Every structure is written in structure tokens, then in C-alpha cells.
Amino acid sequence: MSLKTHIKFVLVTIIYFAHIYFRRLPITLLPLIREEIVLTSDNIGILVSSHALCYTIGRLLFGVASDRYSKVALLLLGLVTCAACSVGLAFSSHLWQLLVAMMFLGIVQGAGWVPATLLVQSWYSKSTYGTMFSILACGSTFAGILQPFSKKFYWRHVELYTGAGMLLFAVVCYLGLREDNVSPEHIKDEEEQDANPEKPKKKSGFRSIIGSIVIWHISFVYLFTMEMRTICETWVQLFLTDSQLSPDAFQITYEIGGLVGTMMSGIVIDLVTRKFDVDATRRVIAVSYTCLMMFSAAGIFEFPELSSIFGFLAGMFVNGSINVWCMIASQAGFTRIQGTVSAFISFVASSGSMLAGTPLALLISVFGYRVFLYIFGAQLIVVLFVSSFRVRLRMDSVRKDGELAEDDEGTGVCSTVVDSQQSLTNLKKETRISMLFALYATKKVKPFKEILAPANKV
């Protein structure tokens, strides 16, 4: 790849970093804000839930828009609006003003992630996509690492100066990315489909998305990870503060663990998929991270004095899980509606963030913080049960004759073997073991005795 492409990638990563920084900054500063602006637990729950609700709606709207409009324009629109909202927060003195600013911040957050991932996907090959995707996702963890230091300054000054600085940086980003400021062309794709009537037809729009069990499966399991992220970013810090412990060490180790988990998940996926099926690898890693994050989070509430250690583990597994599920979501749909599919999955999954707002505030007020242990245990059972069905991770297209067809992107090793006429028993031992892993995880071919049979068997 050229140096110019890498420079553009750096600019997009910084823009995404700014989106996450501005989204999380008011949440991080809540302990300081509530000292100056009196906020009860119910007020905090309303702020968190409304912010998460607008964030959910915004990701859906901007995800759909990314399939129709310039991704660069959407990124810059989000950056400028986030910076303006940050300046507005600096002058807020009442609950309703905080609420309005945080709702606007939530809405424009959707202009960051989906357009950024689609740009990265267009710049880099499949063999490096996992690594570059993970580097982009690290913008979230870097934002979290810097935020504890913002507590050392007056919160209004932090909001004001960072917002004004990013307004100026938006001009630099426009100059560096203006050649990619073009809208997607759908007319050519439609003409090609009309010229090739034998080519599998692919439904577009919400009808095919809503009717896909693949999308609902991914969204449902991903929901628990989004909920856990909100718990770690909000309730854990309040829990440690109420326990007379400083949350700063937890947040720093949580973000460092997130950096490790994000990069490790992407690199491992790129390495393992050279021998194993892409979807199978992503599924195993994503479910494993999701389960392990619940054990780590439970340790924080059970042993608050060890919050730094469990914070590192929670950050690693939460952010690693988010990274893999986002990677799955970014390629779960057909090429023409990838942005819409990714946004819809985030829309459904982000309801987990809303559940971590007012509903959790009510439970905590009744049962205390120990209620988290029971919640994590129940969710762990649900995740393992739902994941045991091994639903596909990509949408299917259907030919006119009603037969199942794969999407253009393919599904890696597994689709190649299934579509070929070669007997699996003729494969080498190492390859047959790889096929066992792939076919088991994607539940495409049974029984497995054919795969495990000796290669020289007649």
C-alpha cells in the first residue's frame, strides 16, 4: 500500500478516536459534574439511557446513509457536530442542558464507526483487513486511556478546549480526504445485474435484513458485549467511588487491556484464518471473549480491591469481543448493503447499552451492586445456549430456482470445500482437521466421520 493510503488511514483513525473521545468524555466526567450540578442516581440513569438510545438510533441512520452518501462527508459531519456539542457542554448548568448535549452527541456518533470501516475495507486487502480493522478500533481504547487524565483539570475547560481544537483539526481532515469524498454508485451495479439474469438475485433493504436469522443471531449475542462496555464505563467507576476507591487506576488498566485485546484479536484472526475457516475462527474467538468478560467483570464487583487486575482482564475481553463482533457485522451483509447491515446489527446490539442505564439503576437501588453477579451468571448461560446453534455469520442470497447461493465475498475455506466435488477423504490429515473445525463451527456438513476417515481408505 502507498504512503498516501496510510496517511488517509491515520486521519480516519484520529477522526474515529475523536468520535469515541467526545462520546465517553461526559460519562467519565460525571463524578465531577455531579459535584457542581446536583445529579441523583435516577438523573444519571436518564443521561446514560438517553445517550445510549440516541447513539443507537444515530448508528442506524448513518449506517444506512453510508451506503448512499459520501463516507468522508459523514465522518467530517460527525466530527464537527461532536466538537460543537463538547463546547456546548462546557456552558451547561442544568440537567436539561446536559441531556440535550449528550443526546446530540449520541446521535452523531453513528457517523464515525460504519463509514470508517467501509473506507478501510476499500483501501486494504482481505489478508490485512483484520489487522487494520483492529488498529482502527484501537482509537476507542486510546480515547479511554487519555480520559482519566482529563479529571485532573476543570471539566468545563476540558470540554471547551478539546471541542475547539477538533473543530480546527476538521479542516486538516477535509484537505487530506477530499479525493475520497464521493458517493457510492448503485446505478452501475443495477445495470450489471440486469445484463446478467442468471446471476443470483440479492435482496436489499430492511426487508431482507429483518428477515435474516443471521443478523438477529449476531445482534443478540453482541448485545451482551455492548451492555458490558456501558457497565464498565459507568457503573464500575461509580461502584469504586462509592467503595472509597479511586476509579482512575481501574480505567487506565481497563483501557490498556482493551488495547491488548483489540490488537490481539485482530492479529490472531488474520493468522488463524490462513488455515481455518474465517467465520469459524471469528465465532470461536468472539464467543470465548464474551464469556470471559463476564467472569472478569464479576471479579471487579466481588473483589474491588483487585479492580486494577480484573479491570485489565475485563478491558481485554470486552474490547476484544467488540472488535470481533464488529468485524463480523462489517462483512455479514451483501456488498451493496454492508453499511446498512452493520448499522442494523449495532442498532439492535446497542439496546444492551440502554439496558445498562435506567433498568440497572432501578435494580441497583433495590438490591445493591451485588445484583451484577446474578446478572452476569444468567447472561453467561444465555450466550452459551444461543451460540450452540452455530448459525451462519453471513447472509445468504437466493437464485431464481430457489437454491442457496453464497455471497460474492465467500466464506473462506469452508465454502470452497462444500462447493467442490472433491471427496473430503482425499485431503491430507492436517487439512481434514481444519475442515472438521470449520464445518463444526459453521454447521454446514454432517456427519464428521467422512472428514476423519483415513486418506488412503477406499
Foldseek 3Di string as FASTA:
>chain_A
DDPLLVVLLVLLLVLLLLLLLLLLQCLLCVVVVCVQEPDDQLLQLLLQLLLLLLLLQLLLVLLQVLLFFQLLVLSLVLLLQSLVLLLQVLPDRYSVSSSVSSSSSSNSSNSRDLSSLVSLPVSDDPLCSLQSLLVSLLSNLVSLLCNLVCVVDDSSVVSNVSSVVSNVVSVVSCVSCVVSRGTDDCVVVVVVCVVPVQPFDDDDDVVLLVPDPLLVLLLVLLLLLLLLVLCQSHVLCVVCVVVVHHCSLLSNLLSVLLSVLSNVLSVVLSVVLVQAWNQLSLLVLLLVLSLQLLVLVLCCVVPVVCSNVSSSSNSNSSNNNNSSSLVLLQAQEAPSSSSNSSSVSSSSSSVSSSCSRNVVSVVCVPPNPNVSNVVSVVSSVVSVVSQQVLATSHRWTAGPVGDTDHHPVDGGPQRVVVPDPDQLLQDDQSNLVSNVSHCNNNVDDDDSCSSNDHSPDD
